């Protein structure tokens, strides 16, 4: 099976990751998820670039990420749930144009959990949660 997770060349120590602002974790998690989705779609479909972009956008937008979070929530460790809670409760200066505030906060929490696991180098756990939350792509 192809591994769509980007290589993390500089794994951070847990105290350093915990010291990051939760929205920074979400920033990293958004990038990791986006690259994984793009790489998987590019290698498993015959879609053209414009179609890939539309499908990727649909999968990584806040309402989709909120659904992913609902699916993985029962599987989170206490530590991962704490990261989600911290991020969801962080004051945000912006909101998504096409998402409710609740979905946007839940999506940010989802991204933060991804970023947290990625920065710690916990790639097996990250892939496990993404597989639980994933929405099947039509045409696979």
Foldseek 3Di string as FASTA:
>chain_A
DDDQFDDDPAADDLVVLVPDQLLVLLVQLLVRLLSSLLVCCVVPDPDDPVVSVVVSCVCLDLQNLLQLLVQCVVVDDPVLVVSLVSQLPDDDPDADPPDDNNSRSNSSSSSSSSSSCVNNVVVVVSVVSCVRSDDDDPPD
